[in-house]
Amino acid sequence: HMQQLSDFCLQSDDRWRELTDELPAGH
């Protein structure tokens, strides 16, 4: 269960980075 939640954290963080990569550096 904890691994499942940890994997979801990584997937969500990857999605956040995908969104924020579109912004100017240091935004």
mmCIF file of all heavy atoms, coordinates in Angstrom:
data_MODEL
# 
_entry.id   MODEL 
# 
loop_
_atom_site.group_PDB 
_atom_site.id 
_atom_site.type_symbol 
_atom_site.label_atom_id 
_atom_site.label_alt_id 
_atom_site.label_comp_id 
_atom_site.label_asym_id 
_atom_site.label_entity_id 
_atom_site.label_seq_id 
_atom_site.pdbx_PDB_ins_code 
_atom_site.Cartn_x 
_atom_site.Cartn_y 
_atom_site.Cartn_z 
_atom_site.occupancy 
_atom_site.B_iso_or_equiv 
_atom_site.pdbx_formal_charge 
_atom_site.auth_seq_id 
_atom_site.auth_comp_id 
_atom_site.auth_asym_id 
_atom_site.auth_atom_id 
_atom_site.pdbx_PDB_model_num 
ATOM 1   N N   . HIS A 1 1  ? 0.828  -1.208 0.000   1.00 0.00 ? 1  HIS A N   1 
ATOM 2   C CA  . HIS A 1 1  ? 0.000  0.000  0.000   1.00 0.00 ? 1  HIS A CA  1 
ATOM 3   C C   . HIS A 1 1  ? 0.864  1.259  0.000   1.00 0.00 ? 1  HIS A C   1 
ATOM 4   O O   . HIS A 1 1  ? 0.584  2.220  -0.728  1.00 0.00 ? 1  HIS A O   1 
ATOM 5   C CB  . HIS A 1 1  ? -0.921 0.003  1.225   1.00 0.00 ? 1  HIS A CB  1 
ATOM 6   C CG  . HIS A 1 1  ? -2.149 -0.809 1.056   1.00 0.00 ? 1  HIS A CG  1 
ATOM 7   N ND1 . HIS A 1 1  ? -2.512 -1.815 1.931   1.00 0.00 ? 1  HIS A ND1 1 
ATOM 8   C CD2 . HIS A 1 1  ? -3.118 -0.784 0.091   1.00 0.00 ? 1  HIS A CD2 1 
ATOM 9   C CE1 . HIS A 1 1  ? -3.636 -2.370 1.532   1.00 0.00 ? 1  HIS A CE1 1 
ATOM 10  N NE2 . HIS A 1 1  ? -4.023 -1.768 0.421   1.00 0.00 ? 1  HIS A NE2 1 
ATOM 11  N N   . MET A 1 2  ? 1.917  1.246  0.810   1.00 0.00 ? 2  MET A N   1 
ATOM 12  C CA  . MET A 1 2  ? 2.765  2.421  0.884   1.00 0.00 ? 2  MET A CA  1 
ATOM 13  C C   . MET A 1 2  ? 3.512  2.642  -0.424  1.00 0.00 ? 2  MET A C   1 
ATOM 14  O O   . MET A 1 2  ? 3.715  3.776  -0.860  1.00 0.00 ? 2  MET A O   1 
ATOM 15  C CB  . MET A 1 2  ? 3.747  2.298  2.051   1.00 0.00 ? 2  MET A CB  1 
ATOM 16  C CG  . MET A 1 2  ? 4.416  3.618  2.424   1.00 0.00 ? 2  MET A CG  1 
ATOM 17  S SD  . MET A 1 2  ? 3.231  4.920  2.873   1.00 0.00 ? 2  MET A SD  1 
ATOM 18  C CE  . MET A 1 2  ? 2.708  4.359  4.496   1.00 0.00 ? 2  MET A CE  1 
ATOM 19  N N   . GLN A 1 3  ? 3.904  1.537  -1.093  1.00 0.00 ? 3  GLN A N   1 
ATOM 20  C CA  . GLN A 1 3  ? 4.572  1.676  -2.384  1.00 0.00 ? 3  GLN A CA  1 
ATOM 21  C C   . GLN A 1 3  ? 3.607  2.250  -3.417  1.00 0.00 ? 3  GLN A C   1 
ATOM 22  O O   . GLN A 1 3  ? 3.996  3.076  -4.258  1.00 0.00 ? 3  GLN A O   1 
ATOM 23  C CB  . GLN A 1 3  ? 5.101  0.315  -2.845  1.00 0.00 ? 3  GLN A CB  1 
ATOM 24  C CG  . GLN A 1 3  ? 5.929  0.388  -4.125  1.00 0.00 ? 3  GLN A CG  1 
ATOM 25  C CD  . GLN A 1 3  ? 7.168  1.254  -3.956  1.00 0.00 ? 3  GLN A CD  1 
ATOM 26  O OE1 . GLN A 1 3  ? 7.950  1.083  -3.024  1.00 0.00 ? 3  GLN A OE1 1 
ATOM 27  N NE2 . GLN A 1 3  ? 7.346  2.214  -4.864  1.00 0.00 ? 3  GLN A NE2 1 
ATOM 28  N N   . GLN A 1 4  ? 2.352  1.809  -3.358  1.00 0.00 ? 4  GLN A N   1 
ATOM 29  C CA  . GLN A 1 4  ? 1.349  2.345  -4.284  1.00 0.00 ? 4  GLN A CA  1 
ATOM 30  C C   . GLN A 1 4  ? 1.198  3.859  -4.091  1.00 0.00 ? 4  GLN A C   1 
ATOM 31  O O   . GLN A 1 4  ? 1.131  4.621  -5.070  1.00 0.00 ? 4  GLN A O   1 
ATOM 32  C CB  . GLN A 1 4  ? 0.005  1.642  -4.067  1.00 0.00 ? 4  GLN A CB  1 
ATOM 33  C CG  . GLN A 1 4  ? -1.086 2.112  -5.018  1.00 0.00 ? 4  GLN A CG  1 
ATOM 34  C CD  . GLN A 1 4  ? -2.444 1.532  -4.658  1.00 0.00 ? 4  GLN A CD  1 
ATOM 35  O OE1 . GLN A 1 4  ? -2.755 1.301  -3.485  1.00 0.00 ? 4  GLN A OE1 1 
ATOM 36  N NE2 . GLN A 1 4  ? -3.273 1.302  -5.666  1.00 0.00 ? 4  GLN A NE2 1 
ATOM 37  N N   . LEU A 1 5  ? 1.153  4.307  -2.835  1.00 0.00 ? 5  LEU A N   1 
ATOM 38  C CA  . LEU A 1 5  ? 1.020  5.737  -2.565  1.00 0.00 ? 5  LEU A CA  1 
ATOM 39  C C   . LEU A 1 5  ? 2.279  6.487  -2.988  1.00 0.00 ? 5  LEU A C   1 
ATOM 40  O O   . LEU A 1 5  ? 2.206  7.582  -3.554  1.00 0.00 ? 5  LEU A O   1 
ATOM 41  C CB  . LEU A 1 5  ? 0.729  5.969  -1.081  1.00 0.00 ? 5  LEU A CB  1 
ATOM 42  C CG  . LEU A 1 5  ? 0.519  7.423  -0.652  1.00 0.00 ? 5  LEU A CG  1 
ATOM 43  C CD1 . LEU A 1 5  ? -0.622 8.071  -1.431  1.00 0.00 ? 5  LEU A CD1 1 
ATOM 44  C CD2 . LEU A 1 5  ? 0.253  7.514  0.849   1.00 0.00 ? 5  LEU A CD2 1 
ATOM 45  N N   . SER A 1 6  ? 3.446  5.877  -2.744  1.00 0.00 ? 6  SER A N   1 
ATOM 46  C CA  . SER A 1 6  ? 4.699  6.514  -3.142  1.00 0.00 ? 6  SER A CA  1 
ATOM 47  C C   . SER A 1 6  ? 4.772  6.660  -4.664  1.00 0.00 ? 6  SER A C   1 
ATOM 48  O O   . SER A 1 6  ? 5.204  7.702  -5.178  1.00 0.00 ? 6  SER A O   1 
ATOM 49  C CB  . SER A 1 6  ? 5.886  5.695  -2.632  1.00 0.00 ? 6  SER A CB  1 
ATOM 50  O OG  . SER A 1 6  ? 7.106  6.303  -2.969  1.00 0.00 ? 6  SER A OG  1 
ATOM 51  N N   . ASP A 1 7  ? 4.334  5.635  -5.381  1.00 0.00 ? 7  ASP A N   1 
ATOM 52  C CA  . ASP A 1 7  ? 4.319  5.709  -6.848  1.00 0.00 ? 7  ASP A CA  1 
ATOM 53  C C   . ASP A 1 7  ? 3.376  6.817  -7.317  1.00 0.00 ? 7  ASP A C   1 
ATOM 54  O O   . ASP A 1 7  ? 3.672  7.530  -8.289  1.00 0.00 ? 7  ASP A O   1 
ATOM 55  C CB  . ASP A 1 7  ? 3.884  4.375  -7.447  1.00 0.00 ? 7  ASP A CB  1 
ATOM 56  C CG  . ASP A 1 7  ? 4.938  3.284  -7.265  1.00 0.00 ? 7  ASP A CG  1 
ATOM 57  O OD1 . ASP A 1 7  ? 6.102  3.625  -6.972  1.00 0.00 ? 7  ASP A OD1 1 
ATOM 58  O OD2 . ASP A 1 7  ? 4.583  2.099  -7.404  1.00 0.00 ? 7  ASP A OD2 1 
ATOM 59  N N   . PHE A 1 8  ? 2.231  6.962  -6.637  1.00 0.00 ? 8  PHE A N   1 
ATOM 60  C CA  . PHE A 1 8  ? 1.279  8.010  -7.006  1.00 0.00 ? 8  PHE A CA  1 
ATOM 61  C C   . PHE A 1 8  ? 1.886  9.396  -6.772  1.00 0.00 ? 8  PHE A C   1 
ATOM 62  O O   . PHE A 1 8  ? 1.657  10.324 -7.558  1.00 0.00 ? 8  PHE A O   1 
ATOM 63  C CB  . PHE A 1 8  ? -0.007 7.849  -6.205  1.00 0.00 ? 8  PHE A CB  1 
ATOM 64  C CG  . PHE A 1 8  ? -1.111 8.786  -6.617  1.00 0.00 ? 8  PHE A CG  1 
ATOM 65  C CD1 . PHE A 1 8  ? -1.717 8.660  -7.859  1.00 0.00 ? 8  PHE A CD1 1 
ATOM 66  C CD2 . PHE A 1 8  ? -1.539 9.797  -5.768  1.00 0.00 ? 8  PHE A CD2 1 
ATOM 67  C CE1 . PHE A 1 8  ? -2.739 9.524  -8.251  1.00 0.00 ? 8  PHE A CE1 1 
ATOM 68  C CE2 . PHE A 1 8  ? -2.551 10.661 -6.151  1.00 0.00 ? 8  PHE A CE2 1 
ATOM 69  C CZ  . PHE A 1 8  ? -3.155 10.523 -7.396  1.00 0.00 ? 8  PHE A CZ  1 
ATOM 70  N N   . CYS A 1 9  ? 2.670  9.538  -5.700  1.00 0.00 ? 9  CYS A N   1 
ATOM 71  C CA  . CYS A 1 9  ? 3.378  10.799 -5.460  1.00 0.00 ? 9  CYS A CA  1 
ATOM 72  C C   . CYS A 1 9  ? 4.317  11.128 -6.622  1.00 0.00 ? 9  CYS A C   1 
ATOM 73  O O   . CYS A 1 9  ? 4.348  12.271 -7.110  1.00 0.00 ? 9  CYS A O   1 
ATOM 74  C CB  . CYS A 1 9  ? 4.192  10.709 -4.167  1.00 0.00 ? 9  CYS A CB  1 
ATOM 75  S SG  . CYS A 1 9  ? 3.231  10.765 -2.656  1.00 0.00 ? 9  CYS A SG  1 
ATOM 76  N N   . LEU A 1 10 ? 5.084  10.127 -7.067  1.00 0.00 ? 10 LEU A N   1 
ATOM 77  C CA  . LEU A 1 10 ? 6.025  10.362 -8.161  1.00 0.00 ? 10 LEU A CA  1 
ATOM 78  C C   . LEU A 1 10 ? 5.299  10.714 -9.452  1.00 0.00 ? 10 LEU A C   1 
ATOM 79  O O   . LEU A 1 10 ? 5.716  11.623 -10.189 1.00 0.00 ? 10 LEU A O   1 
ATOM 80  C CB  . LEU A 1 10 ? 6.891  9.113  -8.371  1.00 0.00 ? 10 LEU A CB  1 
ATOM 81  C CG  . LEU A 1 10 ? 7.879  8.787  -7.248  1.00 0.00 ? 10 LEU A CG  1 
ATOM 82  C CD1 . LEU A 1 10 ? 8.564  7.443  -7.517  1.00 0.00 ? 10 LEU A CD1 1 
ATOM 83  C CD2 . LEU A 1 10 ? 8.916  9.892  -7.109  1.00 0.00 ? 10 LEU A CD2 1 
ATOM 84  N N   . GLN A 1 11 ? 4.202  10.005 -9.735  1.00 0.00 ? 11 GLN A N   1 
ATOM 85  C CA  . GLN A 1 11 ? 3.432  10.300 -10.944 1.00 0.00 ? 11 GLN A CA  1 
ATOM 86  C C   . GLN A 1 11 ? 2.853  11.713 -10.890 1.00 0.00 ? 11 GLN A C   1 
ATOM 87  O O   . GLN A 1 11 ? 2.881  12.455 -11.884 1.00 0.00 ? 11 GLN A O   1 
ATOM 88  C CB  . GLN A 1 11 ? 2.304  9.275  -11.106 1.00 0.00 ? 11 GLN A CB  1 
ATOM 89  C CG  . GLN A 1 11 ? 2.786  7.853  -11.376 1.00 0.00 ? 11 GLN A CG  1 
ATOM 90  C CD  . GLN A 1 11 ? 1.713  6.821  -11.121 1.00 0.00 ? 11 GLN A CD  1 
ATOM 91  O OE1 . GLN A 1 11 ? 0.533  7.160  -10.968 1.00 0.00 ? 11 GLN A OE1 1 
ATOM 92  N NE2 . GLN A 1 11 ? 2.107  5.557  -11.054 1.00 0.00 ? 11 GLN A NE2 1 
ATOM 93  N N   . SER A 1 12 ? 2.341  12.093 -9.734  1.00 0.00 ? 12 SER A N   1 
ATOM 94  C CA  . SER A 1 12 ? 1.750  13.423 -9.576  1.00 0.00 ? 12 SER A CA  1 
ATOM 95  C C   . SER A 1 12 ? 2.816  14.503 -9.685  1.00 0.00 ? 12 SER A C   1 
ATOM 96  O O   . SER A 1 12 ? 2.597  15.554 -10.305 1.00 0.00 ? 12 SER A O   1 
ATOM 97  C CB  . SER A 1 12 ? 1.019  13.526 -8.233  1.00 0.00 ? 12 SER A CB  1 
ATOM 98  O OG  . SER A 1 12 ? -0.026 12.580 -8.147  1.00 0.00 ? 12 SER A OG  1 
ATOM 99  N N   . ASP A 1 13 ? 3.979  14.242 -9.094  1.00 0.00 ? 13 ASP A N   1 
ATOM 100 C CA  . ASP A 1 13 ? 5.063  15.219 -9.174  1.00 0.00 ? 13 ASP A CA  1 
ATOM 101 C C   . ASP A 1 13 ? 5.552  15.363 -10.619 1.00 0.00 ? 13 ASP A C   1 
ATOM 102 O O   . ASP A 1 13 ? 5.863  16.483 -11.065 1.00 0.00 ? 13 ASP A O   1 
ATOM 103 C CB  . ASP A 1 13 ? 6.210  14.798 -8.256  1.00 0.00 ? 13 ASP A CB  1 
ATOM 104 C CG  . ASP A 1 13 ? 7.299  15.853 -8.168  1.00 0.00 ? 13 ASP A CG  1 
ATOM 105 O OD1 . ASP A 1 13 ? 7.022  16.949 -7.647  1.00 0.00 ? 13 ASP A OD1 1 
ATOM 106 O OD2 . ASP A 1 13 ? 8.422  15.595 -8.630  1.00 0.00 ? 13 ASP A OD2 1 
ATOM 107 N N   . ASP A 1 14 ? 5.613  14.245 -11.331 1.00 0.00 ? 14 ASP A N   1 
ATOM 108 C CA  . ASP A 1 14 ? 5.995  14.314 -12.748 1.00 0.00 ? 14 ASP A CA  1 
ATOM 109 C C   . ASP A 1 14 ? 4.997  15.156 -13.535 1.00 0.00 ? 14 ASP A C   1 
ATOM 110 O O   . ASP A 1 14 ? 5.389  15.949 -14.418 1.00 0.00 ? 14 ASP A O   1 
ATOM 111 C CB  . ASP A 1 14 ? 6.061  12.908 -13.344 1.00 0.00 ? 14 ASP A CB  1 
ATOM 112 C CG  . ASP A 1 14 ? 7.289  12.132 -12.895 1.00 0.00 ? 14 ASP A CG  1 
ATOM 113 O OD1 . ASP A 1 14 ? 8.227  12.763 -12.374 1.00 0.00 ? 14 ASP A OD1 1 
ATOM 114 O OD2 . ASP A 1 14 ? 7.299  10.898 -13.053 1.00 0.00 ? 14 ASP A OD2 1 
ATOM 115 N N   . ARG A 1 15 ? 3.705  14.994 -13.249 1.00 0.00 ? 15 ARG A N   1 
ATOM 116 C CA  . ARG A 1 15 ? 2.680  15.771 -13.934 1.00 0.00 ? 15 ARG A CA  1 
ATOM 117 C C   . ARG A 1 15 ? 2.835  17.264 -13.595 1.00 0.00 ? 15 ARG A C   1 
ATOM 118 O O   . ARG A 1 15 ? 2.722  18.117 -14.476 1.00 0.00 ? 15 ARG A O   1 
ATOM 119 C CB  . ARG A 1 15 ? 1.293  15.268 -13.524 1.00 0.00 ? 15 ARG A CB  1 
ATOM 120 C CG  . ARG A 1 15 ? 0.131  16.141 -13.971 1.00 0.00 ? 15 ARG A CG  1 
ATOM 121 C CD  . ARG A 1 15 ? 0.055  16.281 -15.467 1.00 0.00 ? 15 ARG A CD  1 
ATOM 122 N NE  . ARG A 1 15 ? -1.123 17.068 -15.855 1.00 0.00 ? 15 ARG A NE  1 
ATOM 123 C CZ  . ARG A 1 15 ? -1.256 17.686 -17.006 1.00 0.00 ? 15 ARG A CZ  1 
ATOM 124 N NH1 . ARG A 1 15 ? -0.289 17.614 -17.925 1.00 0.00 ? 15 ARG A NH1 1 
ATOM 125 N NH2 . ARG A 1 15 ? -2.355 18.369 -17.283 1.00 0.00 ? 15 ARG A NH2 1 
ATOM 126 N N   . TRP A 1 16 ? 3.115  17.581 -12.314 1.00 0.00 ? 16 TRP A N   1 
ATOM 127 C CA  . TRP A 1 16 ? 3.333  18.980 -11.914 1.00 0.00 ? 16 TRP A CA  1 
ATOM 128 C C   . TRP A 1 16 ? 4.528  19.568 -12.666 1.00 0.00 ? 16 TRP A C   1 
ATOM 129 O O   . TRP A 1 16 ? 4.471  20.699 -13.139 1.00 0.00 ? 16 TRP A O   1 
ATOM 130 C CB  . TRP A 1 16 ? 3.543  19.044 -10.400 1.00 0.00 ? 16 TRP A CB  1 
ATOM 131 C CG  . TRP A 1 16 ? 3.997  20.398 -9.920  1.00 0.00 ? 16 TRP A CG  1 
ATOM 132 C CD1 . TRP A 1 16 ? 3.220  21.499 -9.732  1.00 0.00 ? 16 TRP A CD1 1 
ATOM 133 C CD2 . TRP A 1 16 ? 5.335  20.788 -9.581  1.00 0.00 ? 16 TRP A CD2 1 
ATOM 134 N NE1 . TRP A 1 16 ? 3.989  22.567 -9.290  1.00 0.00 ? 16 TRP A NE1 1 
ATOM 135 C CE2 . TRP A 1 16 ? 5.289  22.152 -9.191  1.00 0.00 ? 16 TRP A CE2 1 
ATOM 136 C CE3 . TRP A 1 16 ? 6.555  20.127 -9.554  1.00 0.00 ? 16 TRP A CE3 1 
ATOM 137 C CZ2 . TRP A 1 16 ? 6.423  22.857 -8.790  1.00 0.00 ? 16 TRP A CZ2 1 
ATOM 138 C CZ3 . TRP A 1 16 ? 7.689  20.820 -9.154  1.00 0.00 ? 16 TRP A CZ3 1 
ATOM 139 C CH2 . TRP A 1 16 ? 7.621  22.167 -8.781  1.00 0.00 ? 16 TRP A CH2 1 
ATOM 140 N N   . ARG A 1 17 ? 5.607  18.792 -12.786 1.00 0.00 ? 17 ARG A N   1 
ATOM 141 C CA  . ARG A 1 17 ? 6.787  19.278 -13.509 1.00 0.00 ? 17 ARG A CA  1 
ATOM 142 C C   . ARG A 1 17 ? 6.477  19.489 -14.987 1.00 0.00 ? 17 ARG A C   1 
ATOM 143 O O   . ARG A 1 17 ? 6.988  20.435 -15.616 1.00 0.00 ? 17 ARG A O   1 
ATOM 144 C CB  . ARG A 1 17 ? 7.953  18.306 -13.330 1.00 0.00 ? 17 ARG A CB  1 
ATOM 145 C CG  . ARG A 1 17 ? 8.477  18.269 -11.905 1.00 0.00 ? 17 ARG A CG  1 
ATOM 146 C CD  . ARG A 1 17 ? 9.645  17.323 -11.735 1.00 0.00 ? 17 ARG A CD  1 
ATOM 147 N NE  . ARG A 1 17 ? 9.994  17.196 -10.331 1.00 0.00 ? 17 ARG A NE  1 
ATOM 148 C CZ  . ARG A 1 17 ? 10.721 18.088 -9.657  1.00 0.00 ? 17 ARG A CZ  1 
ATOM 149 N NH1 . ARG A 1 17 ? 11.198 19.154 -10.293 1.00 0.00 ? 17 ARG A NH1 1 
ATOM 150 N NH2 . ARG A 1 17 ? 10.989 17.919 -8.388  1.00 0.00 ? 17 ARG A NH2 1 
ATOM 151 N N   . GLU A 1 18 ? 5.663  18.628 -15.549 1.00 0.00 ? 18 GLU A N   1 
ATOM 152 C CA  . GLU A 1 18 ? 5.261  18.801 -16.944 1.00 0.00 ? 18 GLU A CA  1 
ATOM 153 C C   . GLU A 1 18 ? 4.535  20.134 -17.131 1.00 0.00 ? 18 GLU A C   1 
ATOM 154 O O   . GLU A 1 18 ? 4.765  20.857 -18.109 1.00 0.00 ? 18 GLU A O   1 
ATOM 155 C CB  . GLU A 1 18 ? 4.344  17.639 -17.346 1.00 0.00 ? 18 GLU A CB  1 
ATOM 156 C CG  . GLU A 1 18 ? 3.793  17.718 -18.765 1.00 0.00 ? 18 GLU A CG  1 
ATOM 157 C CD  . GLU A 1 18 ? 2.807  16.593 -19.041 1.00 0.00 ? 18 GLU A CD  1 
ATOM 158 O OE1 . GLU A 1 18 ? 2.967  15.498 -18.469 1.00 0.00 ? 18 GLU A OE1 1 
ATOM 159 O OE2 . GLU A 1 18 ? 1.860  16.830 -19.821 1.00 0.00 ? 18 GLU A OE2 1 
ATOM 160 N N   . LEU A 1 19 ? 3.677  20.487 -16.176 1.00 0.00 ? 19 LEU A N   1 
ATOM 161 C CA  . LEU A 1 19 ? 2.942  21.745 -16.263 1.00 0.00 ? 19 LEU A CA  1 
ATOM 162 C C   . LEU A 1 19 ? 3.858  22.946 -16.039 1.00 0.00 ? 19 LEU A C   1 
ATOM 163 O O   . LEU A 1 19 ? 3.793  23.939 -16.769 1.00 0.00 ? 19 LEU A O   1 
ATOM 164 C CB  . LEU A 1 19 ? 1.809  21.756 -15.229 1.00 0.00 ? 19 LEU A CB  1 
ATOM 165 C CG  . LEU A 1 19 ? 0.658  20.776 -15.480 1.00 0.00 ? 19 LEU A CG  1 
ATOM 166 C CD1 . LEU A 1 19 ? -0.227 20.665 -14.243 1.00 0.00 ? 19 LEU A CD1 1 
ATOM 167 C CD2 . LEU A 1 19 ? -0.175 21.222 -16.678 1.00 0.00 ? 19 LEU A CD2 1 
ATOM 168 N N   . THR A 1 20 ? 4.718  22.860 -15.039 1.00 0.00 ? 20 THR A N   1 
ATOM 169 C CA  . THR A 1 20 ? 5.542  24.021 -14.691 1.00 0.00 ? 20 THR A CA  1 
ATOM 170 C C   . THR A 1 20 ? 6.723  24.204 -15.637 1.00 0.00 ? 20 THR A C   1 
ATOM 171 O O   . THR A 1 20 ? 7.298  25.298 -15.682 1.00 0.00 ? 20 THR A O   1 
ATOM 172 C CB  . THR A 1 20 ? 6.059  23.913 -13.241 1.00 0.00 ? 20 THR A CB  1 
ATOM 173 O OG1 . THR A 1 20 ? 6.812  22.695 -13.081 1.00 0.00 ? 20 THR A OG1 1 
ATOM 174 C CG2 . THR A 1 20 ? 4.902  23.909 -12.258 1.00 0.00 ? 20 THR A CG2 1 
ATOM 175 N N   . ASP A 1 21 ? 7.105  23.175 -16.377 1.00 0.00 ? 21 ASP A N   1 
ATOM 176 C CA  . ASP A 1 21 ? 8.197  23.319 -17.348 1.00 0.00 ? 21 ASP A CA  1 
ATOM 177 C C   . ASP A 1 21 ? 7.845  24.322 -18.444 1.00 0.00 ? 21 ASP A C   1 
ATOM 178 O O   . ASP A 1 21 ? 8.736  24.844 -19.129 1.00 0.00 ? 21 ASP A O   1 
ATOM 179 C CB  . ASP A 1 21 ? 8.543  21.967 -17.982 1.00 0.00 ? 21 ASP A CB  1 
ATOM 180 C CG  . ASP A 1 21 ? 9.423  21.119 -17.067 1.00 0.00 ? 21 ASP A CG  1 
ATOM 181 O OD1 . ASP A 1 21 ? 9.953  21.674 -16.088 1.00 0.00 ? 21 ASP A OD1 1 
ATOM 182 O OD2 . ASP A 1 21 ? 9.564  19.912 -17.340 1.00 0.00 ? 21 ASP A OD2 1 
ATOM 183 N N   . GLU A 1 22 ? 6.551  24.580 -18.609 1.00 0.00 ? 22 GLU A N   1 
ATOM 184 C CA  . GLU A 1 22 ? 6.126  25.544 -19.627 1.00 0.00 ? 22 GLU A CA  1 
ATOM 185 C C   . GLU A 1 22 ? 6.363  26.985 -19.184 1.00 0.00 ? 22 GLU A C   1 
ATOM 186 O O   . GLU A 1 22 ? 6.274  27.911 -19.994 1.00 0.00 ? 22 GLU A O   1 
ATOM 187 C CB  . GLU A 1 22 ? 4.641  25.340 -19.936 1.00 0.00 ? 22 GLU A CB  1 
ATOM 188 C CG  . GLU A 1 22 ? 4.309  23.938 -20.452 1.00 0.00 ? 22 GLU A CG  1 
ATOM 189 C CD  . GLU A 1 22 ? 2.808  23.733 -20.600 1.00 0.00 ? 22 GLU A CD  1 
ATOM 190 O OE1 . GLU A 1 22 ? 2.056  24.689 -20.302 1.00 0.00 ? 22 GLU A OE1 1 
ATOM 191 O OE2 . GLU A 1 22 ? 2.395  22.635 -21.012 1.00 0.00 ? 22 GLU A OE2 1 
ATOM 192 N N   . LEU A 1 23 ? 6.661  27.180 -17.891 1.00 0.00 ? 23 LEU A N   1 
ATOM 193 C CA  . LEU A 1 23 ? 6.846  28.531 -17.355 1.00 0.00 ? 23 LEU A CA  1 
ATOM 194 C C   . LEU A 1 23 ? 8.295  28.980 -17.502 1.00 0.00 ? 23 LEU A C   1 
ATOM 195 O O   . LEU A 1 23 ? 9.199  28.149 -17.634 1.00 0.00 ? 23 LEU A O   1 
ATOM 196 C CB  . LEU A 1 23 ? 6.459  28.550 -15.868 1.00 0.00 ? 23 LEU A CB  1 
ATOM 197 C CG  . LEU A 1 23 ? 5.014  28.173 -15.547 1.00 0.00 ? 23 LEU A CG  1 
ATOM 198 C CD1 . LEU A 1 23 ? 4.828  28.048 -14.039 1.00 0.00 ? 23 LEU A CD1 1 
ATOM 199 C CD2 . LEU A 1 23 ? 4.051  29.212 -16.115 1.00 0.00 ? 23 LEU A CD2 1 
ATOM 200 N N   . PRO A 1 24 ? 8.560  30.292 -17.438 1.00 0.00 ? 24 PRO A N   1 
ATOM 201 C CA  . PRO A 1 24 ? 9.947  30.769 -17.446 1.00 0.00 ? 24 PRO A CA  1 
ATOM 202 C C   . PRO A 1 24 ? 10.719 30.213 -16.259 1.00 0.00 ? 24 PRO A C   1 
ATOM 203 O O   . PRO A 1 24 ? 10.158 30.010 -15.183 1.00 0.00 ? 24 PRO A O   1 
ATOM 204 C CB  . PRO A 1 24 ? 9.793  32.295 -17.344 1.00 0.00 ? 24 PRO A CB  1 
ATOM 205 C CG  . PRO A 1 24 ? 8.392  32.586 -17.771 1.00 0.00 ? 24 PRO A CG  1 
ATOM 206 C CD  . PRO A 1 24 ? 7.579  31.392 -17.398 1.00 0.00 ? 24 PRO A CD  1 
ATOM 207 N N   . ALA A 1 25 ? 11.998 29.961 -16.431 1.00 0.00 ? 25 ALA A N   1 
ATOM 208 C CA  . ALA A 1 25 ? 12.833 29.415 -15.352 1.00 0.00 ? 25 ALA A CA  1 
ATOM 209 C C   . ALA A 1 25 ? 12.779 30.325 -14.131 1.00 0.00 ? 25 ALA A C   1 
ATOM 210 O O   . ALA A 1 25 ? 12.878 31.544 -14.236 1.00 0.00 ? 25 ALA A O   1 
ATOM 211 C CB  . ALA A 1 25 ? 14.273 29.263 -15.832 1.00 0.00 ? 25 ALA A CB  1 
ATOM 212 N N   . GLY A 1 26 ? 12.609 29.702 -12.955 1.00 0.00 ? 26 GLY A N   1 
ATOM 213 C CA  . GLY A 1 26 ? 12.562 30.457 -11.715 1.00 0.00 ? 26 GLY A CA  1 
ATOM 214 C C   . GLY A 1 26 ? 11.211 31.049 -11.384 1.00 0.00 ? 26 GLY A C   1 
ATOM 215 O O   . GLY A 1 26 ? 11.077 31.790 -10.405 1.00 0.00 ? 26 GLY A O   1 
ATOM 216 N N   . HIS A 1 27 ? 10.185 30.750 -12.186 1.00 0.00 ? 27 HIS A N   1 
ATOM 217 C CA  . HIS A 1 27 ? 8.842  31.268 -11.925 1.00 0.00 ? 27 HIS A CA  1 
ATOM 218 C C   . HIS A 1 27 ? 8.393  30.837 -10.536 1.00 0.00 ? 27 HIS A C   1 
ATOM 219 O O   . HIS A 1 27 ? 8.704  29.747 -10.055 1.00 0.00 ? 27 HIS A O   1 
ATOM 220 C CB  . HIS A 1 27 ? 7.877  30.736 -12.988 1.00 0.00 ? 27 HIS A CB  1 
ATOM 221 C CG  . HIS A 1 27 ? 6.529  31.379 -12.972 1.00 0.00 ? 27 HIS A CG  1 
ATOM 222 N ND1 . HIS A 1 27 ? 5.561  31.055 -12.050 1.00 0.00 ? 27 HIS A ND1 1 
ATOM 223 C CD2 . HIS A 1 27 ? 5.980  32.336 -13.774 1.00 0.00 ? 27 HIS A CD2 1 
ATOM 224 C CE1 . HIS A 1 27 ? 4.484  31.775 -12.273 1.00 0.00 ? 27 HIS A CE1 1 
ATOM 225 N NE2 . HIS A 1 27 ? 4.706  32.561 -13.326 1.00 0.00 ? 27 HIS A NE2 1 
# 
